[in-house]
N, C-alpha and C. Protein backbone atom coordinates (compact mmCIF):
# COMPACT_ATOMS: atom_id res chain seq x y z
N MET A 1 -19.49 -39.06 -9.81
CA MET A 1 -20.12 -39.72 -8.66
C MET A 1 -21.72 -40.14 -8.67
N ASP A 2 -22.45 -40.82 -8.46
CA ASP A 2 -23.84 -41.23 -8.22
C ASP A 2 -24.30 -40.09 -7.40
N LEU A 3 -25.54 -39.51 -7.65
CA LEU A 3 -26.34 -38.56 -7.16
C LEU A 3 -26.70 -38.91 -5.59
N LEU A 4 -27.00 -40.20 -5.62
CA LEU A 4 -27.61 -40.81 -4.04
C LEU A 4 -25.97 -41.37 -3.41
N LEU A 5 -25.22 -41.59 -4.21
CA LEU A 5 -23.89 -41.81 -3.04
C LEU A 5 -23.23 -40.49 -2.59
N LEU A 6 -23.53 -39.29 -3.29
CA LEU A 6 -23.26 -37.71 -2.67
C LEU A 6 -24.03 -37.57 -1.49
N THR A 7 -25.37 -37.60 -2.10
CA THR A 7 -26.38 -37.71 -0.62
C THR A 7 -25.86 -38.19 0.56
N VAL A 8 -25.65 -39.34 0.45
CA VAL A 8 -25.41 -40.42 1.83
C VAL A 8 -23.86 -39.86 2.29
N LEU A 9 -23.04 -39.50 1.60
CA LEU A 9 -21.96 -38.76 1.98
C LEU A 9 -22.12 -37.61 2.74
N ALA A 10 -23.07 -36.87 2.20
CA ALA A 10 -23.17 -35.33 2.93
C ALA A 10 -24.00 -35.87 4.22
N VAL A 11 -24.70 -36.37 4.11
CA VAL A 11 -25.72 -36.90 5.33
C VAL A 11 -24.82 -37.70 6.46
N ALA A 12 -23.86 -38.67 6.37
CA ALA A 12 -23.01 -39.06 6.95
C ALA A 12 -22.09 -38.54 7.61
N ALA A 13 -21.64 -37.60 6.79
CA ALA A 13 -20.33 -36.71 6.96
C ALA A 13 -20.06 -36.61 8.58
N PRO A 14 -20.83 -35.75 9.08
CA PRO A 14 -20.77 -35.56 10.09
C PRO A 14 -20.76 -36.71 11.16
N LEU A 15 -21.23 -37.67 11.09
CA LEU A 15 -21.40 -38.90 11.69
C LEU A 15 -19.81 -39.54 11.82
N LEU A 16 -19.00 -39.38 10.51
CA LEU A 16 -18.12 -40.23 10.20
C LEU A 16 -16.74 -39.38 11.02
N THR A 17 -16.98 -38.08 11.34
CA THR A 17 -15.83 -37.53 12.10
C THR A 17 -16.00 -37.98 14.07
N ASP A 18 -14.97 -37.83 14.38
CA ASP A 18 -14.96 -37.80 15.67
C ASP A 18 -15.11 -36.83 16.42
N GLU A 19 -14.95 -35.54 15.77
CA GLU A 19 -15.56 -34.34 16.63
C GLU A 19 -16.72 -33.67 16.03
N ARG A 20 -17.40 -33.36 17.19
CA ARG A 20 -18.67 -32.52 17.06
C ARG A 20 -18.63 -31.13 17.86
N TYR A 21 -19.23 -30.48 17.68
CA TYR A 21 -19.18 -29.23 18.31
C TYR A 21 -20.63 -29.06 19.18
N ILE A 22 -20.40 -28.16 20.09
CA ILE A 22 -21.54 -28.10 21.11
C ILE A 22 -21.94 -26.59 21.04
N ARG A 23 -22.60 -26.18 20.92
CA ARG A 23 -23.13 -24.62 20.53
C ARG A 23 -23.65 -24.03 21.94
N VAL A 24 -24.21 -22.87 22.14
CA VAL A 24 -23.91 -22.25 23.14
C VAL A 24 -25.72 -22.60 24.10
N PRO A 25 -26.57 -23.14 23.21
CA PRO A 25 -27.65 -23.48 23.78
C PRO A 25 -27.35 -24.66 24.72
N GLU A 26 -26.86 -25.58 23.96
CA GLU A 26 -26.64 -27.03 24.38
C GLU A 26 -25.59 -26.83 25.55
N LEU A 27 -24.52 -25.98 25.79
CA LEU A 27 -23.76 -25.93 26.81
C LEU A 27 -24.48 -25.15 27.76
N GLN A 28 -25.14 -24.57 27.71
CA GLN A 28 -25.91 -23.86 28.96
C GLN A 28 -26.83 -25.00 29.55
N ARG A 29 -27.57 -25.90 28.70
CA ARG A 29 -28.32 -27.12 29.27
C ARG A 29 -27.29 -28.07 30.12
N MET A 30 -26.10 -27.85 29.68
CA MET A 30 -25.22 -29.14 30.03
C MET A 30 -25.13 -28.68 31.41
N PHE A 31 -24.50 -27.36 31.50
CA PHE A 31 -24.03 -26.63 32.63
C PHE A 31 -25.22 -26.08 33.53
N GLY A 32 -26.17 -25.81 33.13
CA GLY A 32 -27.51 -25.43 34.12
C GLY A 32 -27.41 -24.03 34.10
N VAL A 33 -26.61 -23.35 33.68
CA VAL A 33 -26.27 -21.91 33.53
C VAL A 33 -27.05 -20.86 32.34
N SER A 34 -26.87 -19.80 32.82
CA SER A 34 -27.40 -18.79 31.68
C SER A 34 -26.10 -18.48 30.56
N ARG A 35 -27.00 -17.88 29.63
CA ARG A 35 -26.00 -17.42 28.39
C ARG A 35 -24.96 -16.54 29.23
N ALA A 36 -25.65 -15.24 29.86
CA ALA A 36 -24.84 -14.55 30.67
C ALA A 36 -23.44 -15.05 31.17
N THR A 37 -23.92 -16.17 32.29
CA THR A 37 -22.77 -16.55 33.09
C THR A 37 -22.10 -17.46 32.37
N LEU A 38 -22.60 -18.34 31.04
CA LEU A 38 -21.42 -18.75 30.13
C LEU A 38 -20.23 -17.94 30.12
N TRP A 39 -20.49 -16.74 29.46
CA TRP A 39 -19.93 -15.55 28.84
C TRP A 39 -18.73 -15.25 29.89
N ARG A 40 -19.51 -14.98 31.06
CA ARG A 40 -18.71 -14.47 32.32
C ARG A 40 -17.79 -15.69 32.95
N MET A 41 -18.01 -16.84 32.86
CA MET A 41 -17.06 -17.90 33.00
C MET A 41 -15.91 -17.98 32.14
N ARG A 42 -16.34 -17.66 30.72
CA ARG A 42 -15.23 -17.84 29.58
C ARG A 42 -14.31 -16.33 29.76
N LYS A 43 -14.88 -15.52 30.35
CA LYS A 43 -13.95 -14.16 30.48
C LYS A 43 -13.34 -14.50 31.92
N ARG A 44 -13.63 -15.11 32.88
CA ARG A 44 -12.61 -15.56 33.93
C ARG A 44 -11.83 -16.56 33.79
N GLY A 45 -11.66 -17.12 32.38
CA GLY A 45 -11.11 -18.31 32.05
C GLY A 45 -11.39 -19.68 32.85
N GLU A 46 -12.78 -19.62 33.27
CA GLU A 46 -13.19 -20.53 33.99
C GLU A 46 -13.96 -21.75 32.84
N LEU A 47 -13.76 -21.42 31.49
CA LEU A 47 -14.37 -22.03 30.50
C LEU A 47 -13.44 -22.17 29.36
N PRO A 48 -13.22 -23.03 28.45
CA PRO A 48 -12.36 -23.17 27.52
C PRO A 48 -12.95 -22.30 26.33
N GLU A 49 -12.04 -21.68 25.49
CA GLU A 49 -12.22 -20.74 24.37
C GLU A 49 -12.88 -21.52 23.44
N PRO A 50 -13.91 -20.77 22.79
CA PRO A 50 -14.91 -21.53 21.53
C PRO A 50 -14.23 -21.54 20.62
N VAL A 51 -14.43 -22.28 19.78
CA VAL A 51 -13.84 -22.15 17.95
C VAL A 51 -15.11 -21.47 17.28
N ARG A 52 -14.50 -20.76 16.23
CA ARG A 52 -15.20 -20.10 15.53
C ARG A 52 -15.58 -21.12 14.43
N ILE A 53 -16.95 -21.45 14.22
CA ILE A 53 -17.71 -22.44 13.22
C ILE A 53 -17.50 -21.74 11.91
N SER A 54 -18.35 -21.05 11.94
CA SER A 54 -18.50 -19.89 10.75
C SER A 54 -18.65 -18.55 11.11
N ARG A 55 -18.91 -17.67 10.27
CA ARG A 55 -19.39 -16.20 10.43
C ARG A 55 -20.30 -16.33 11.62
N GLY A 56 -19.93 -15.78 12.61
CA GLY A 56 -21.01 -15.41 13.60
C GLY A 56 -21.61 -16.68 14.46
N VAL A 57 -20.95 -17.58 14.13
CA VAL A 57 -21.19 -18.99 14.84
C VAL A 57 -20.16 -19.59 15.80
N ILE A 58 -20.07 -19.57 16.89
CA ILE A 58 -19.11 -20.48 17.75
C ILE A 58 -19.59 -21.67 18.49
N GLY A 59 -18.95 -22.52 18.96
CA GLY A 59 -19.01 -23.77 19.44
C GLY A 59 -17.86 -24.17 19.95
N TRP A 60 -17.91 -25.24 21.11
CA TRP A 60 -16.90 -25.92 21.48
C TRP A 60 -16.48 -27.06 21.06
N ARG A 61 -15.45 -27.70 20.68
CA ARG A 61 -15.30 -29.12 20.39
C ARG A 61 -15.84 -30.43 21.64
N ALA A 62 -16.12 -30.96 21.27
CA ALA A 62 -16.98 -32.10 22.41
C ALA A 62 -15.84 -32.57 23.04
N SER A 63 -14.78 -32.98 22.73
CA SER A 63 -13.92 -33.50 23.49
C SER A 63 -13.14 -32.76 24.45
N VAL A 64 -13.01 -31.31 24.06
CA VAL A 64 -12.47 -30.23 25.03
C VAL A 64 -13.52 -30.05 26.28
N ILE A 65 -14.83 -30.13 26.09
CA ILE A 65 -15.84 -29.91 27.21
C ILE A 65 -15.62 -31.33 27.81
N ALA A 66 -15.78 -32.69 27.11
CA ALA A 66 -15.85 -33.85 27.87
C ALA A 66 -14.65 -33.71 28.77
N GLU A 67 -13.44 -33.29 28.41
CA GLU A 67 -12.33 -33.17 29.37
C GLU A 67 -12.60 -32.35 30.70
N PHE A 68 -13.21 -31.03 30.03
CA PHE A 68 -13.05 -30.17 31.45
C PHE A 68 -14.33 -30.68 32.18
N PHE A 69 -15.35 -31.52 31.77
CA PHE A 69 -16.38 -32.10 33.03
C PHE A 69 -15.60 -33.04 33.91
N GLU A 70 -14.43 -33.55 33.05
CA GLU A 70 -13.94 -34.78 34.00
C GLU A 70 -13.20 -34.07 35.07
N THR A 71 -12.78 -32.68 34.92
CA THR A 71 -12.25 -31.84 36.00
C THR A 71 -12.87 -31.74 37.12
N LYS A 72 -12.94 -32.12 38.27
CA LYS A 72 -13.75 -32.10 39.37
C LYS A 72 -13.57 -30.92 39.96
N ASP A 73 -12.48 -30.19 39.73
CA ASP A 73 -12.20 -28.60 40.25
C ASP A 73 -13.30 -27.78 39.90
N ASN A 74 -13.67 -28.21 38.63
CA ASN A 74 -14.52 -26.88 37.59
C ASN A 74 -16.09 -26.90 38.52
N PHE A 75 -16.69 -27.84 39.21
CA PHE A 75 -17.78 -27.86 39.66
C PHE A 75 -18.17 -27.69 41.20
N ASN A 76 -19.09 -26.97 41.66
CA ASN A 76 -19.34 -27.09 43.09
C ASN A 76 -20.14 -28.36 43.49
N ASP A 77 -20.34 -28.83 44.63
CA ASP A 77 -20.72 -29.75 45.38
C ASP A 77 -21.91 -30.16 44.76
N ASP A 78 -23.02 -29.19 43.94
CA ASP A 78 -24.28 -29.73 43.35
C ASP A 78 -24.30 -30.11 41.90
N GLY A 79 -22.85 -29.96 41.25
CA GLY A 79 -22.50 -30.34 40.12
C GLY A 79 -22.80 -29.38 39.08
N ARG A 80 -23.03 -28.39 39.38
CA ARG A 80 -23.00 -27.30 38.44
C ARG A 80 -21.59 -26.21 38.30
N ALA A 81 -21.33 -25.66 37.42
CA ALA A 81 -20.48 -25.23 37.11
C ALA A 81 -20.05 -23.67 38.09
């Protein structure tokens, strides 16, 4: 394959997949909570389990988090988890 084509495929591959992963800092911003609160929520079963992306790296599938956000019972009246 041509080097340019390989480069384009490498850059575009994440855009071509339907799924992306949300890492801890982004999830903190989305929920408006601290890192410790995320872990407490996870421990209590109030947050879906993350997926191991690589060694020492976890994240949540965006579709799982979107589904979680759609569930009104997961949030207080102010929209926070």
